[in-house]
Amino acid sequence: MVKVETVVCDIPVDLVMNTARDTLQTGEVGDGKIFVYDVEDSMRIRTGTRGTKAVTDDEV
């Protein structure tokens, strides 16, 4: 079993969903589902950076 989770800030959701389907789909029962929901906020624990900047690689 594989579980894939991602948070997307600046990429269209449809593009991410279609790419995930194209990559992960085997055509067999159990391929899974994609759930889309809003993330209200985020925080990078090391720096305390919040919001979009907390989930991008801009800050090393």
PDB file of N, CA and C in Angstrom:
ATOM      1  N   MET A   1       0.841  -1.171   0.000  1.00  0.00           N
ATOM      2  CA  MET A   1       0.000   0.000   0.000  1.00  0.00           C
ATOM      3  C   MET A   1       0.887   1.236   0.000  1.00  0.00           C
ATOM      4  N   VAL A   2       0.477   2.239  -0.733  1.00  0.00           N
ATOM      5  CA  VAL A   2       1.183   3.512  -0.802  1.00  0.00           C
ATOM      6  C   VAL A   2       0.182   4.616  -0.514  1.00  0.00           C
ATOM      7  N   LYS A   3       0.585   5.569   0.313  1.00  0.00           N
ATOM      8  CA  LYS A   3      -0.254   6.734   0.570  1.00  0.00           C
ATOM      9  C   LYS A   3       0.520   7.959   0.104  1.00  0.00           C
ATOM     10  N   VAL A   4      -0.114   8.762  -0.729  1.00  0.00           N
ATOM     11  CA  VAL A   4       0.515   9.967  -1.251  1.00  0.00           C
ATOM     12  C   VAL A   4      -0.255  11.162  -0.731  1.00  0.00           C
ATOM     13  N   GLU A   5       0.456  12.100  -0.126  1.00  0.00           N
ATOM     14  CA  GLU A   5      -0.165  13.345   0.332  1.00  0.00           C
ATOM     15  C   GLU A   5       0.640  14.502  -0.232  1.00  0.00           C
ATOM     16  N   THR A   6      -0.049  15.549  -0.635  1.00  0.00           N
ATOM     17  CA  THR A   6       0.641  16.727  -1.129  1.00  0.00           C
ATOM     18  C   THR A   6      -0.167  17.981  -0.807  1.00  0.00           C
ATOM     19  N   VAL A   7       0.539  19.073  -0.645  1.00  0.00           N
ATOM     20  CA  VAL A   7      -0.092  20.379  -0.475  1.00  0.00           C
ATOM     21  C   VAL A   7       0.358  21.219  -1.662  1.00  0.00           C
ATOM     22  N   VAL A   8      -0.586  21.838  -2.327  1.00  0.00           N
ATOM     23  CA  VAL A   8      -0.300  22.591  -3.538  1.00  0.00           C
ATOM     24  C   VAL A   8      -0.654  24.053  -3.313  1.00  0.00           C
ATOM     25  N   CYS A   9       0.273  24.934  -3.645  1.00  0.00           N
ATOM     26  CA  CYS A   9       0.037  26.362  -3.455  1.00  0.00           C
ATOM     27  C   CYS A   9      -0.239  27.084  -4.767  1.00  0.00           C
ATOM     28  N   ASP A  10       0.608  26.880  -5.746  1.00  0.00           N
ATOM     29  CA  ASP A  10       0.561  27.701  -6.944  1.00  0.00           C
ATOM     30  C   ASP A  10       0.296  26.912  -8.225  1.00  0.00           C
ATOM     31  N   ILE A  11       0.024  25.631  -8.114  1.00  0.00           N
ATOM     32  CA  ILE A  11      -0.230  24.785  -9.276  1.00  0.00           C
ATOM     33  C   ILE A  11      -1.725  24.489  -9.323  1.00  0.00           C
ATOM     34  N   PRO A  12      -2.354  24.587 -10.489  1.00  0.00           N
ATOM     35  CA  PRO A  12      -3.796  24.294 -10.571  1.00  0.00           C
ATOM     36  C   PRO A  12      -4.124  22.880 -10.074  1.00  0.00           C
ATOM     37  N   VAL A  13      -5.156  22.772  -9.272  1.00  0.00           N
ATOM     38  CA  VAL A  13      -5.551  21.505  -8.671  1.00  0.00           C
ATOM     39  C   VAL A  13      -5.824  20.443  -9.729  1.00  0.00           C
ATOM     40  N   ASP A  14      -6.487  20.818 -10.820  1.00  0.00           N
ATOM     41  CA  ASP A  14      -6.786  19.842 -11.874  1.00  0.00           C
ATOM     42  C   ASP A  14      -5.514  19.233 -12.450  1.00  0.00           C
ATOM     43  N   LEU A  15      -4.480  20.043 -12.617  1.00  0.00           N
ATOM     44  CA  LEU A  15      -3.211  19.539 -13.144  1.00  0.00           C
ATOM     45  C   LEU A  15      -2.601  18.514 -12.186  1.00  0.00           C
ATOM     46  N   VAL A  16      -2.641  18.815 -10.902  1.00  0.00           N
ATOM     47  CA  VAL A  16      -2.096  17.894  -9.905  1.00  0.00           C
ATOM     48  C   VAL A  16      -2.900  16.598  -9.875  1.00  0.00           C
ATOM     49  N   MET A  17      -4.224  16.708  -9.896  1.00  0.00           N
ATOM     50  CA  MET A  17      -5.073  15.513  -9.868  1.00  0.00           C
ATOM     51  C   MET A  17      -4.845  14.644 -11.104  1.00  0.00           C
ATOM     52  N   ASN A  18      -4.804  15.255 -12.275  1.00  0.00           N
ATOM     53  CA  ASN A  18      -4.604  14.495 -13.508  1.00  0.00           C
ATOM     54  C   ASN A  18      -3.228  13.835 -13.549  1.00  0.00           C
ATOM     55  N   THR A  19      -2.208  14.541 -13.086  1.00  0.00           N
ATOM     56  CA  THR A  19      -0.865  13.975 -13.039  1.00  0.00           C
ATOM     57  C   THR A  19      -0.803  12.810 -12.076  1.00  0.00           C
ATOM     58  N   ALA A  20      -1.429  12.951 -10.915  1.00  0.00           N
ATOM     59  CA  ALA A  20      -1.463  11.851  -9.943  1.00  0.00           C
ATOM     60  C   ALA A  20      -2.179  10.644 -10.533  1.00  0.00           C
ATOM     61  N   ARG A  21      -3.314  10.868 -11.151  1.00  0.00           N
ATOM     62  CA  ARG A  21      -4.054   9.758 -11.766  1.00  0.00           C
ATOM     63  C   ARG A  21      -3.221   9.081 -12.837  1.00  0.00           C
ATOM     64  N   ASP A  22      -2.628   9.862 -13.716  1.00  0.00           N
ATOM     65  CA  ASP A  22      -1.836   9.304 -14.812  1.00  0.00           C
ATOM     66  C   ASP A  22      -0.642   8.510 -14.288  1.00  0.00           C
ATOM     67  N   THR A  23      -0.084   8.941 -13.171  1.00  0.00           N
ATOM     68  CA  THR A  23       1.091   8.289 -12.601  1.00  0.00           C
ATOM     69  C   THR A  23       0.738   7.059 -11.785  1.00  0.00           C
ATOM     70  N   LEU A  24      -0.345   7.128 -11.028  1.00  0.00           N
ATOM     71  CA  LEU A  24      -0.657   6.088 -10.046  1.00  0.00           C
ATOM     72  C   LEU A  24      -1.669   5.050 -10.525  1.00  0.00           C
ATOM     73  N   GLN A  25      -2.409   5.348 -11.566  1.00  0.00           N
ATOM     74  CA  GLN A  25      -3.491   4.465 -12.005  1.00  0.00           C
ATOM     75  C   GLN A  25      -2.948   3.159 -12.579  1.00  0.00           C
ATOM     76  N   THR A  26      -3.446   2.035 -12.038  1.00  0.00           N
ATOM     77  CA  THR A  26      -3.083   0.716 -12.571  1.00  0.00           C
ATOM     78  C   THR A  26      -4.251   0.078 -13.307  1.00  0.00           C
ATOM     79  N   GLY A  27      -5.460   0.588 -13.074  1.00  0.00           N
ATOM     80  CA  GLY A  27      -6.652  -0.002 -13.667  1.00  0.00           C
ATOM     81  C   GLY A  27      -7.237  -1.123 -12.829  1.00  0.00           C
ATOM     82  N   GLU A  28      -6.632  -1.383 -11.697  1.00  0.00           N
ATOM     83  CA  GLU A  28      -7.087  -2.447 -10.800  1.00  0.00           C
ATOM     84  C   GLU A  28      -7.909  -1.849  -9.664  1.00  0.00           C
ATOM     85  N   VAL A  29      -8.774  -2.693  -9.084  1.00  0.00           N
ATOM     86  CA  VAL A  29      -9.515  -2.294  -7.896  1.00  0.00           C
ATOM     87  C   VAL A  29      -8.497  -1.938  -6.820  1.00  0.00           C
ATOM     88  N   GLY A  30      -8.743  -0.849  -6.135  1.00  0.00           N
ATOM     89  CA  GLY A  30      -7.830  -0.440  -5.069  1.00  0.00           C
ATOM     90  C   GLY A  30      -6.870   0.654  -5.486  1.00  0.00           C
ATOM     91  N   ASP A  31      -7.031   1.189  -6.699  1.00  0.00           N
ATOM     92  CA  ASP A  31      -6.166   2.291  -7.125  1.00  0.00           C
ATOM     93  C   ASP A  31      -6.284   3.489  -6.189  1.00  0.00           C
ATOM     94  N   GLY A  32      -7.393   3.613  -5.515  1.00  0.00           N
ATOM     95  CA  GLY A  32      -7.533   4.680  -4.534  1.00  0.00           C
ATOM     96  C   GLY A  32      -8.415   5.817  -5.001  1.00  0.00           C
ATOM     97  N   LYS A  33      -8.362   6.882  -4.238  1.00  0.00           N
ATOM     98  CA  LYS A  33      -9.172   8.066  -4.488  1.00  0.00           C
ATOM     99  C   LYS A  33      -8.320   9.297  -4.227  1.00  0.00           C
ATOM    100  N   ILE A  34      -8.738  10.405  -4.789  1.00  0.00           N
ATOM    101  CA  ILE A  34      -8.092  11.683  -4.528  1.00  0.00           C
ATOM    102  C   ILE A  34      -9.099  12.568  -3.812  1.00  0.00           C
ATOM    103  N   PHE A  35      -8.691  13.134  -2.706  1.00  0.00           N
ATOM    104  CA  PHE A  35      -9.528  14.056  -1.940  1.00  0.00           C
ATOM    105  C   PHE A  35      -8.903  15.437  -2.025  1.00  0.00           C
ATOM    106  N   VAL A  36      -9.737  16.451  -2.232  1.00  0.00           N
ATOM    107  CA  VAL A  36      -9.266  17.826  -2.314  1.00  0.00           C
ATOM    108  C   VAL A  36      -9.936  18.619  -1.205  1.00  0.00           C
ATOM    109  N   TYR A  37      -9.118  19.324  -0.434  1.00  0.00           N
ATOM    110  CA  TYR A  37      -9.679  20.155   0.617  1.00  0.00           C
ATOM    111  C   TYR A  37      -8.764  21.340   0.870  1.00  0.00           C
ATOM    112  N   ASP A  38      -9.307  22.373   1.459  1.00  0.00           N
ATOM    113  CA  ASP A  38      -8.543  23.582   1.757  1.00  0.00           C
ATOM    114  C   ASP A  38      -7.671  23.370   2.985  1.00  0.00           C
ATOM    115  N   VAL A  39      -6.476  23.903   2.919  1.00  0.00           N
ATOM    116  CA  VAL A  39      -5.596  23.963   4.083  1.00  0.00           C
ATOM    117  C   VAL A  39      -5.637  25.413   4.533  1.00  0.00           C
ATOM    118  N   GLU A  40      -6.158  25.641   5.717  1.00  0.00           N
ATOM    119  CA  GLU A  40      -6.357  27.011   6.193  1.00  0.00           C
ATOM    120  C   GLU A  40      -5.057  27.728   6.505  1.00  0.00           C
ATOM    121  N   ASP A  41      -4.074  27.006   7.007  1.00  0.00           N
ATOM    122  CA  ASP A  41      -2.812  27.629   7.381  1.00  0.00           C
ATOM    123  C   ASP A  41      -1.764  26.540   7.508  1.00  0.00           C
ATOM    124  N   SER A  42      -0.523  26.938   7.541  1.00  0.00           N
ATOM    125  CA  SER A  42       0.576  26.009   7.762  1.00  0.00           C
ATOM    126  C   SER A  42       1.692  26.757   8.470  1.00  0.00           C
ATOM    127  N   MET A  43       2.584  25.985   9.114  1.00  0.00           N
ATOM    128  CA  MET A  43       3.719  26.598   9.794  1.00  0.00           C
ATOM    129  C   MET A  43       4.932  25.691   9.654  1.00  0.00           C
ATOM    130  N   ARG A  44       6.042  26.272   9.254  1.00  0.00           N
ATOM    131  CA  ARG A  44       7.314  25.549   9.250  1.00  0.00           C
ATOM    132  C   ARG A  44       7.838  25.592  10.681  1.00  0.00           C
ATOM    133  N   ILE A  45       7.923  24.452  11.298  1.00  0.00           N
ATOM    134  CA  ILE A  45       8.257  24.373  12.719  1.00  0.00           C
ATOM    135  C   ILE A  45       9.617  24.995  13.010  1.00  0.00           C
ATOM    136  N   ARG A  46      10.620  24.729  12.181  1.00  0.00           N
ATOM    137  CA  ARG A  46      11.981  25.209  12.447  1.00  0.00           C
ATOM    138  C   ARG A  46      12.058  26.727  12.522  1.00  0.00           C
ATOM    139  N   THR A  47      11.326  27.432  11.646  1.00  0.00           N
ATOM    140  CA  THR A  47      11.459  28.886  11.561  1.00  0.00           C
ATOM    141  C   THR A  47      10.235  29.660  12.037  1.00  0.00           C
ATOM    142  N   GLY A  48       9.110  28.984  12.126  1.00  0.00           N
ATOM    143  CA  GLY A  48       7.878  29.674  12.479  1.00  0.00           C
ATOM    144  C   GLY A  48       7.220  30.357  11.289  1.00  0.00           C
ATOM    145  N   THR A  49       7.795  30.205  10.095  1.00  0.00           N
ATOM    146  CA  THR A  49       7.212  30.785   8.888  1.00  0.00           C
ATOM    147  C   THR A  49       5.830  30.200   8.667  1.00  0.00           C
ATOM    148  N   ARG A  50       4.884  31.054   8.285  1.00  0.00           N
ATOM    149  CA  ARG A  50       3.507  30.598   8.109  1.00  0.00           C
ATOM    150  C   ARG A  50       3.011  30.864   6.701  1.00  0.00           C
ATOM    151  N   GLY A  51       1.909  30.188   6.377  1.00  0.00           N
ATOM    152  CA  GLY A  51       1.258  30.391   5.097  1.00  0.00           C
ATOM    153  C   GLY A  51       1.960  29.687   3.954  1.00  0.00           C
ATOM    154  N   THR A  52       1.805  30.244   2.755  1.00  0.00           N
ATOM    155  CA  THR A  52       2.367  29.641   1.547  1.00  0.00           C
ATOM    156  C   THR A  52       3.874  29.452   1.660  1.00  0.00           C
ATOM    157  N   LYS A  53       4.552  30.406   2.253  1.00  0.00           N
ATOM    158  CA  LYS A  53       6.009  30.317   2.377  1.00  0.00           C
ATOM    159  C   LYS A  53       6.447  29.138   3.211  1.00  0.00           C
ATOM    160  N   ALA A  54       5.586  28.637   4.073  1.00  0.00           N
ATOM    161  CA  ALA A  54       5.932  27.499   4.921  1.00  0.00           C
ATOM    162  C   ALA A  54       5.966  26.186   4.150  1.00  0.00           C
ATOM    163  N   VAL A  55       5.300  26.124   2.996  1.00  0.00           N
ATOM    164  CA  VAL A  55       5.248  24.873   2.245  1.00  0.00           C
ATOM    165  C   VAL A  55       6.006  24.931   0.927  1.00  0.00           C
ATOM    166  N   THR A  56       6.712  26.021   0.687  1.00  0.00           N
ATOM    167  CA  THR A  56       7.537  26.118  -0.517  1.00  0.00           C
ATOM    168  C   THR A  56       8.991  25.944  -0.130  1.00  0.00           C
ATOM    169  N   ASP A  57       9.819  25.675  -1.105  1.00  0.00           N
ATOM    170  CA  ASP A  57      11.252  25.475  -0.854  1.00  0.00           C
ATOM    171  C   ASP A  57      12.036  26.759  -0.940  1.00  0.00           C
ATOM    172  N   ASP A  58      11.366  27.896  -0.889  1.00  0.00           N
ATOM    173  CA  ASP A  58      12.070  29.180  -1.004  1.00  0.00           C
ATOM    174  C   ASP A  58      13.031  29.405   0.148  1.00  0.00           C
ATOM    175  N   GLU A  59      12.715  28.831   1.275  1.00  0.00           N
ATOM    176  CA  GLU A  59      13.489  29.057   2.500  1.00  0.00           C
ATOM    177  C   GLU A  59      14.194  27.757   2.868  1.00  0.00           C
ATOM    178  N   VAL A  60      15.502  27.789   2.886  1.00  0.00           N
ATOM    179  CA  VAL A  60      16.253  26.553   3.182  1.00  0.00           C
ATOM    180  C   VAL A  60      16.732  26.573   4.607  1.00  0.00           C
TER     181      VAL A  60
END
